[in-house]
Protein backbone atom coordinates (compact mmCIF):
# COMPACT_ATOMS: atom_id res chain seq x y z
CA MET A 1 0.00 0.00 0.00
CA GLN A 2 2.88 2.33 0.83
CA ASN A 3 4.46 1.65 -2.58
CA LEU A 4 1.13 2.28 -4.30
CA ALA A 5 0.71 5.54 -2.42
CA ASP A 6 4.25 6.52 -3.37
CA TYR A 7 3.60 5.71 -7.03
CA GLU A 8 0.37 7.71 -6.96
CA ARG A 9 2.18 10.64 -5.34
CA LYS A 10 4.91 10.53 -8.01
CA LEU A 11 2.30 10.13 -10.77
CA TYR A 12 0.54 13.27 -9.53
CA GLN A 13 3.73 15.18 -8.75
CA HIS A 14 5.50 14.55 -12.05
CA PRO A 15 3.30 13.57 -15.04
CA PHE A 16 0.15 15.50 -14.16
CA THR A 17 1.80 18.59 -12.70
CA VAL A 18 4.68 18.76 -15.17
CA SER A 19 2.71 17.70 -18.25
CA THR A 20 -0.11 20.15 -17.54
CA ALA A 21 2.41 22.95 -17.01
CA MET A 22 4.30 21.99 -20.17
CA LEU A 23 1.09 21.97 -22.21
CA ARG A 24 0.30 25.43 -20.87
CA ILE A 25 3.81 26.53 -21.81
CA ASP A 26 3.38 25.05 -25.28
CA GLY A 27 0.00 26.76 -25.74
CA ASN A 28 1.26 30.10 -24.43
CA ILE A 29 4.31 30.00 -26.73
CA VAL A 30 1.94 29.38 -29.66
CA ARG A 31 -0.20 32.34 -28.50
CA MET A 32 2.88 34.53 -28.09
CA ASN A 33 4.05 33.60 -31.58
CA HIS A 34 0.60 34.39 -32.97
CA SER A 35 0.57 37.75 -31.15
CA MET A 36 4.02 38.57 -32.58
CA LYS A 37 2.61 37.93 -36.05
CA ASN A 38 -0.31 40.20 -35.17
CA ILE A 39 2.26 42.89 -34.35
CA VAL A 40 3.79 42.52 -37.83
CA LEU A 41 0.32 42.76 -39.40
CA ALA A 42 -0.91 45.57 -37.11
CA LYS A 43 -2.67 48.48 -38.82
CA SER A 44 -2.08 51.03 -36.07
CA GLU A 45 0.13 51.87 -33.10
CA ALA A 46 -2.73 50.90 -30.79
CA ASP A 47 -2.91 47.41 -32.34
CA ILE A 48 0.85 47.01 -31.89
CA GLU A 49 0.79 48.05 -28.22
CA SER A 50 -2.21 45.79 -27.52
CA ALA A 51 -0.41 42.76 -28.98
CA ILE A 52 2.78 43.67 -27.06
CA ALA A 53 0.80 43.69 -23.79
CA ILE A 54 -0.61 40.22 -24.55
CA VAL A 55 2.91 38.90 -25.24
CA ALA A 56 4.17 40.36 -21.95
CA ASP A 57 1.35 38.72 -19.94
CA LEU A 58 1.92 35.35 -21.60
CA GLU A 59 5.66 35.63 -20.96
CA VAL A 60 4.99 35.94 -17.20
CA GLU A 61 2.73 32.86 -17.31
CA VAL A 62 5.41 30.82 -19.11
CA PHE A 63 8.08 31.71 -16.54
CA ASN A 64 5.68 30.82 -13.70
CA ASP A 65 5.02 27.43 -15.28
CA LEU A 66 8.76 26.89 -15.81
CA ASP A 67 9.26 27.44 -12.07
CA LEU A 68 6.57 24.83 -11.39
CA VAL A 69 8.17 22.35 -13.80
CA ASP A 70 11.62 22.93 -12.34
CA GLU A 71 10.25 22.20 -8.85
CA SER A 72 8.42 18.97 -9.77
CA PHE A 73 10.53 17.56 -12.62
CA LEU A 74 11.98 14.13 -11.80
CA GLY A 75 14.30 13.89 -14.80
CA ASP A 76 17.45 15.79 -15.78
CA LYS A 77 16.74 19.34 -14.65
CA GLU A 78 19.39 20.65 -17.04
CA LYS A 79 16.78 20.13 -19.76
CA VAL A 80 14.42 22.48 -17.92
CA LYS A 81 17.23 25.02 -17.54
CA GLU A 82 17.97 24.72 -21.27
CA LEU A 83 14.31 25.38 -22.09
CA ARG A 84 14.34 28.41 -19.77
CA ARG A 85 17.48 29.71 -21.50
CA LEU A 86 15.97 29.21 -24.96
CA PHE A 87 12.78 30.98 -23.94
CA ARG A 88 14.69 33.89 -22.38
CA ASN A 89 16.84 34.28 -25.52
CA TRP A 90 13.70 34.53 -27.66
CA LYS A 91 12.96 37.94 -26.13
CA PRO A 92 15.72 39.90 -27.98
CA ILE A 93 14.33 38.58 -31.26
CA ARG A 94 10.82 39.68 -30.30
CA ASP A 95 12.13 43.06 -29.18
CA ASN A 96 13.93 43.46 -32.51
CA ILE A 97 10.67 42.82 -34.40
CA ILE A 98 8.79 45.29 -32.17
CA ASP A 99 11.49 47.94 -32.69
CA HIS A 100 11.22 47.53 -36.47
CA MET A 101 7.43 47.93 -36.33
CA ARG A 102 7.66 51.03 -34.13
CA LEU A 103 10.06 52.49 -36.70
CA HIS A 104 7.59 51.47 -39.48
CA GLU A 105 10.17 49.06 -40.90
CA ASN A 106 7.51 46.48 -41.74
CA VAL A 107 9.56 44.54 -44.30
CA GLU A 108 12.46 44.07 -41.87
CA ALA A 109 10.03 42.96 -39.15
CA LEU A 110 8.46 40.47 -41.57
CA LYS A 111 11.87 39.08 -42.56
CA THR A 112 12.88 38.59 -38.93
CA THR A 113 9.55 36.91 -38.13
CA THR A 114 9.73 34.41 -41.00
CA GLY A 115 13.49 33.93 -40.75
CA LYS A 116 15.27 34.01 -37.42
CA GLY A 117 12.01 34.11 -35.45
CA ALA A 118 10.53 31.06 -37.18
CA THR A 119 13.77 29.10 -36.71
CA TYR A 120 13.85 29.91 -33.02
CA ILE A 121 10.21 28.87 -32.56
CA ARG A 122 11.06 25.47 -34.04
CA HIS A 123 13.85 25.03 -31.49
CA LEU A 124 11.47 25.97 -28.68
CA ASN A 125 8.81 23.58 -29.93
CA GLU A 126 11.35 20.74 -30.15
CA GLN A 127 12.52 21.36 -26.58
CA VAL A 128 8.97 21.59 -25.24
CA GLY A 129 8.00 18.46 -27.17
CA ALA A 130 10.94 16.56 -25.71
CA LEU A 131 9.92 17.47 -22.15
CA ILE A 132 6.31 16.56 -22.83
CA LEU A 133 7.45 13.23 -24.27
CA PHE A 134 9.62 12.63 -21.19
CA SER A 135 6.65 13.26 -18.90
CA ILE A 136 4.58 10.82 -20.95
CA ASN A 137 7.29 8.17 -20.64
CA LYS A 138 7.52 8.81 -16.91
CA ALA A 139 3.81 8.42 -16.60
CA GLU A 140 4.05 5.08 -18.39
CA GLU A 141 6.79 3.94 -16.03
CA PHE A 142 4.72 4.76 -12.96
CA HIS A 143 1.70 3.27 -14.61
CA GLN A 144 3.46 -0.09 -15.04
CA GLN A 145 4.58 -0.03 -11.39
CA ALA A 146 1.13 0.72 -10.00
CA THR A 147 -1.21 -2.06 -8.87
CA SER A 148 -3.69 -3.64 -11.25
CA GLY A 149 -6.51 -1.85 -9.36
CA GLN A 150 -5.29 1.48 -10.79
CA GLN A 151 -5.08 0.22 -14.40
CA GLU A 152 -8.31 1.74 -15.67
CA ALA A 153 -7.77 5.16 -14.06
CA LEU A 154 -4.17 5.42 -15.28
CA SER A 155 -5.14 4.36 -18.83
CA ALA A 156 -7.78 7.07 -18.97
CA SER A 157 -5.29 9.68 -17.70
CA TYR A 158 -2.68 8.60 -20.25
CA LEU A 159 -5.21 8.77 -23.09
CA LEU A 160 -6.32 12.28 -22.09
CA LEU A 161 -2.71 13.38 -21.84
CA LEU A 162 -1.88 11.94 -25.26
CA LEU A 163 -4.95 13.60 -26.80
CA GLY A 164 -3.88 16.91 -25.29
CA VAL A 165 -0.40 16.58 -26.76
CA LEU A 166 -1.77 15.64 -30.19
CA ALA A 167 -4.31 18.47 -30.11
CA SER A 168 -1.57 20.95 -29.19
CA PHE A 169 0.71 19.60 -31.91
CA PHE A 170 -1.87 19.75 -34.69
CA LEU A 171 -3.10 23.17 -33.55
CA ALA A 172 0.46 24.52 -33.67
CA LEU A 173 1.09 22.85 -37.06
CA TRP A 174 -2.10 24.25 -38.60
CA ASN A 175 -1.51 27.71 -37.18
CA THR A 176 2.08 27.78 -38.46
CA ARG A 177 1.24 26.61 -41.98
CA SER A 178 -1.71 28.99 -42.36
CA ILE A 179 0.54 31.95 -41.54
CA VAL A 180 3.90 30.96 -43.01
CA ARG A 181 2.59 30.12 -46.51
CA PRO A 182 1.18 33.59 -47.38
CA ILE A 183 4.19 35.25 -45.74
CA ASN A 184 6.50 33.20 -47.96
CA MET A 185 4.39 34.26 -50.96
CA LEU A 186 4.86 37.90 -49.93
CA ILE A 187 8.62 37.47 -49.60
CA THR A 188 8.87 35.72 -52.99
CA ALA A 189 6.90 38.47 -54.73
CA ALA A 190 8.98 41.18 -53.03
CA ASN A 191 12.22 39.49 -54.12
CA LYS A 192 11.00 39.24 -57.73
CA ILE A 193 10.15 42.94 -57.76
CA ALA A 194 13.57 43.73 -56.28
CA ASP A 195 15.10 41.69 -59.15
CA GLY A 196 13.22 43.76 -61.74
CA ASP A 197 10.05 41.71 -62.33
CA LEU A 198 7.54 44.50 -61.65
CA SER A 199 4.61 42.33 -62.78
CA SER A 200 5.00 39.98 -59.80
CA ARG A 201 1.97 39.76 -57.50
CA VAL A 202 1.09 37.79 -54.35
CA ASP A 203 -2.44 36.91 -55.50
CA PHE A 204 -3.46 35.59 -52.06
CA HIS A 205 -7.17 36.05 -51.35
CA GLY A 206 -7.44 35.20 -47.66
CA LYS A 207 -9.99 37.05 -45.55
CA ASP A 208 -7.66 37.51 -42.57
CA GLU A 209 -4.97 40.10 -41.89
CA LEU A 210 -2.54 38.38 -44.27
CA GLY A 211 -5.11 38.51 -47.06
CA HIS A 212 -5.55 42.24 -46.43
CA LEU A 213 -1.77 42.74 -46.38
CA SER A 214 -1.46 40.83 -49.68
CA LYS A 215 -4.05 43.08 -51.34
CA ILE A 216 -2.17 46.18 -50.16
CA PHE A 217 1.11 44.72 -51.45
CA ASP A 218 -0.40 43.93 -54.87
CA ARG A 219 -1.85 47.45 -55.09
CA MET A 220 1.53 48.98 -54.21
CA ALA A 221 3.26 46.72 -56.77
CA ALA A 222 0.80 47.80 -59.48
CA GLN A 223 1.33 51.48 -58.63
CA THR A 224 5.10 50.98 -58.75
CA GLU A 225 4.84 49.27 -62.15
CA GLU A 226 2.70 52.16 -63.45
CA LEU A 227 5.13 54.75 -62.09
CA VAL A 228 8.11 53.04 -63.71
CA TRP A 229 6.19 52.84 -67.01
CA ILE A 230 5.38 56.56 -66.84
CA MET A 231 8.98 57.50 -66.06
CA SER A 232 10.35 55.24 -68.81
CA SER A 233 7.84 56.52 -71.40
CA SER A 234 8.47 60.15 -70.44
CA SER A 235 12.22 59.65 -70.73
CA ASP A 236 11.89 58.04 -74.16
CA LEU A 237 9.53 60.80 -75.36
CA THR A 238 11.85 63.55 -74.09
CA THR A 239 14.87 61.95 -75.77
CA HIS A 240 13.16 61.87 -79.19
CA MET A 241 11.78 65.40 -78.83
CA GLN A 242 15.27 66.76 -78.08
CA GLN A 243 16.41 65.43 -81.45
CA ALA A 244 13.82 67.46 -83.37
CA GLU A 245 15.30 70.06 -85.74
CA ASN A 246 12.34 72.44 -85.92
CA LEU A 247 8.83 73.03 -84.58
CA LYS A 248 7.16 70.98 -87.31
CA ASN A 249 9.47 68.06 -86.70
CA LEU A 250 8.99 68.41 -82.93
CA ALA A 251 5.20 68.27 -83.26
CA GLN A 252 5.39 65.24 -85.54
CA VAL A 253 7.69 63.37 -83.13
CA LEU A 254 5.39 64.24 -80.22
CA ILE A 255 2.16 63.00 -81.80
CA SER A 256 3.87 59.91 -83.31
CA LYS A 257 5.18 58.82 -79.88
CA LEU A 258 2.31 59.98 -77.69
CA THR A 259 -0.54 58.37 -79.64
CA PRO A 260 0.68 54.73 -79.30
CA LEU A 261 1.58 55.34 -75.65
CA MET A 262 -2.04 56.27 -74.97
CA ASP A 263 -3.28 53.24 -76.94
CA GLY A 264 -4.65 55.54 -79.62
CA GLY A 265 -5.21 54.78 -83.28
CA HIS A 266 -5.32 58.36 -84.53
CA GLY A 267 -3.81 61.57 -83.25
CA VAL A 268 -3.57 65.19 -84.37
CA ILE A 269 -2.09 68.46 -83.13
CA TYR A 270 -3.87 71.75 -83.85
CA LEU A 271 -1.56 74.77 -83.55
CA ILE A 272 -2.85 78.34 -83.20
CA ASN A 273 -2.55 80.60 -86.22
CA GLU A 274 -1.81 83.96 -84.65
CA ASP A 275 -3.02 85.80 -87.75
CA ASN A 276 -6.64 84.58 -87.59
CA GLY A 277 -6.85 83.04 -84.09
CA ARG A 278 -7.91 79.63 -85.44
CA TYR A 279 -6.35 76.30 -84.49
CA GLU A 280 -5.10 74.53 -87.61
CA LEU A 281 -3.94 70.98 -88.28
CA PHE A 282 -0.18 70.97 -87.77
CA ALA A 283 0.88 67.32 -87.22
CA SER A 284 -0.87 63.96 -87.27
CA TYR A 285 -0.50 60.22 -86.65
CA GLY A 286 -2.59 57.64 -88.50
CA TYR A 287 -4.73 60.43 -89.92
CA GLU A 288 -5.81 60.71 -93.54
CA HIS A 289 -6.94 64.06 -94.96
CA ARG A 290 -10.42 63.70 -96.36
CA LYS A 291 -12.61 66.03 -98.29
CA ASN A 292 -15.25 68.09 -96.39
CA LEU A 293 -13.51 67.59 -93.03
CA ASN A 294 -12.45 70.67 -91.09
CA ASN A 295 -8.73 71.13 -90.53
CA SER A 296 -9.06 74.30 -88.46
CA PHE A 297 -11.31 75.40 -85.61
CA ALA A 298 -12.13 78.65 -83.86
CA PRO A 299 -12.38 78.78 -80.05
CA GLY A 300 -15.69 77.21 -79.02
CA GLU A 301 -16.14 75.40 -82.34
CA ARG A 302 -16.61 71.66 -82.06
CA LEU A 303 -14.50 69.52 -79.70
CA VAL A 304 -11.17 71.21 -80.43
CA GLY A 305 -12.61 74.69 -80.10
CA GLN A 306 -14.48 73.75 -76.93
CA CYS A 307 -11.24 72.44 -75.42
CA VAL A 308 -9.62 75.82 -76.23
CA PHE A 309 -12.55 77.70 -74.76
CA GLU A 310 -12.62 75.71 -71.48
CA LYS A 311 -8.81 75.30 -71.23
CA GLN A 312 -9.51 71.85 -69.80
CA PRO A 313 -9.11 68.30 -71.15
CA ILE A 314 -12.25 66.76 -72.62
CA CYS A 315 -12.84 63.01 -72.87
CA LEU A 316 -15.76 61.49 -74.78
CA ASP A 317 -16.62 57.82 -74.18
CA ASN A 318 -19.09 55.59 -76.06
CA VAL A 319 -19.73 58.18 -78.76
CA PRO A 320 -23.15 57.25 -80.29
CA ASP A 321 -23.59 56.90 -84.05
CA ASP A 322 -26.02 59.86 -84.24
CA TYR A 323 -24.06 62.12 -81.90
CA ILE A 324 -22.99 64.32 -84.78
CA ARG A 325 -23.27 67.59 -82.91
CA ILE A 326 -19.97 66.82 -81.19
CA GLY A 327 -17.49 67.33 -83.98
CA SER A 328 -13.90 66.16 -83.94
CA GLY A 329 -10.88 66.97 -86.03
CA LEU A 330 -10.78 63.26 -86.81
CA GLY A 331 -14.10 63.49 -88.60
CA GLU A 332 -17.28 61.84 -87.49
CA SER A 333 -16.35 58.19 -87.52
CA LYS A 334 -17.10 56.37 -84.30
CA PRO A 335 -14.13 55.66 -82.09
CA LEU A 336 -14.93 54.39 -78.63
CA SER A 337 -13.11 57.27 -76.90
CA ILE A 338 -11.85 60.70 -77.94
CA TYR A 339 -9.51 62.65 -75.69
CA ALA A 340 -8.54 66.28 -76.35
CA PHE A 341 -6.33 68.35 -74.12
CA PRO A 342 -4.86 71.87 -74.44
CA VAL A 343 -1.21 72.87 -74.13
CA ILE A 344 -1.20 76.16 -72.21
CA LEU A 345 1.60 78.70 -71.80
CA ARG A 346 1.12 81.85 -69.73
CA GLY A 347 -2.64 81.43 -69.77
CA GLU A 348 -2.90 81.06 -73.56
CA VAL A 349 -3.67 77.83 -75.41
CA LEU A 350 -0.80 77.21 -77.85
CA CYS A 351 -2.19 74.03 -79.31
CA VAL A 352 -4.69 71.22 -78.80
CA ILE A 353 -3.72 67.54 -78.94
CA GLU A 354 -6.54 65.19 -79.87
CA ILE A 355 -6.25 61.40 -79.72
CA ALA A 356 -8.89 58.84 -80.69
CA SER A 357 -8.94 55.21 -79.60
CA PHE A 358 -11.15 52.23 -80.07
CA ASN A 359 -10.52 51.44 -76.38
CA ARG A 360 -11.46 53.46 -73.32
CA PHE A 361 -8.74 55.71 -71.97
CA THR A 362 -7.58 54.57 -68.53
CA GLU A 363 -6.41 56.72 -65.64
CA LEU A 364 -2.85 55.65 -66.42
CA SER A 365 -3.05 56.71 -70.09
């Protein structure tokens, strides 16, 4: 009876006390890791500070449970000390991530989380798993030494303990995979853009914070690609215009380069005739002179003249077949969109550029 009581005392003191504490440690480390990821994905300073407070509270709970394990552990206590050291050394990594976020260095925080932070979490999980496994083995040892009258109770306890370990393991595995995969997609897309592939996108459609972050990243990537296109096109256009020998040549180079850039099929430039105040056809792209079509316009006359009068760009979309009251220097054929804009110097309209396309003009064009 004394031996049985001693076995029961050891069974309670080591497997139940230690295993329960270790499972709490395992769960709290998972929660701390999740909160650190919430810090990286935080949308405001308040969200960051809230997640930091959660991490701090969980850290206290883990150290308390480590004290309990150290007191009741019947195996090599150096393993508990090693776990304590690993857990304590995780803090500088967390602090580094928090510092990056407070300095709005989100990319650096993300790299640390998925790199050094993820590696360290694996080491912690392995150490915690080893101690949990040890407690299970110890429970089995005491279980075999106990009397046959305790067989059913010990079997039930062992099963519950094993289910708890498995549940914790699969929960941690699912949580890690659901977060790491989209983060890796973000890093891959960012690296491709850094290497010059501006068309790279994350294309992750999750409904959580990572999904929202992916949408923001894709929008930023698209804006960057558009900006680079604008800068490249402007540079090319400027280079060709600088090679022009005279005003006529300059206008022809301008309309010949600008029209394709804006996805246009036809383009014309109307330059002011200072003698009569009318705006006359001066340069064109993909434009054929046809009989009975106006090649000059007075201010307020048709689309070109109206653009001069308003000194504002005018864009016509879905021009109907019978909408003949809106005239265009391109005649009255039916393009899908017509865009006219004035070139103004010192408050006076020097010329009007008119481009027609069989596609709608976008904000980028």
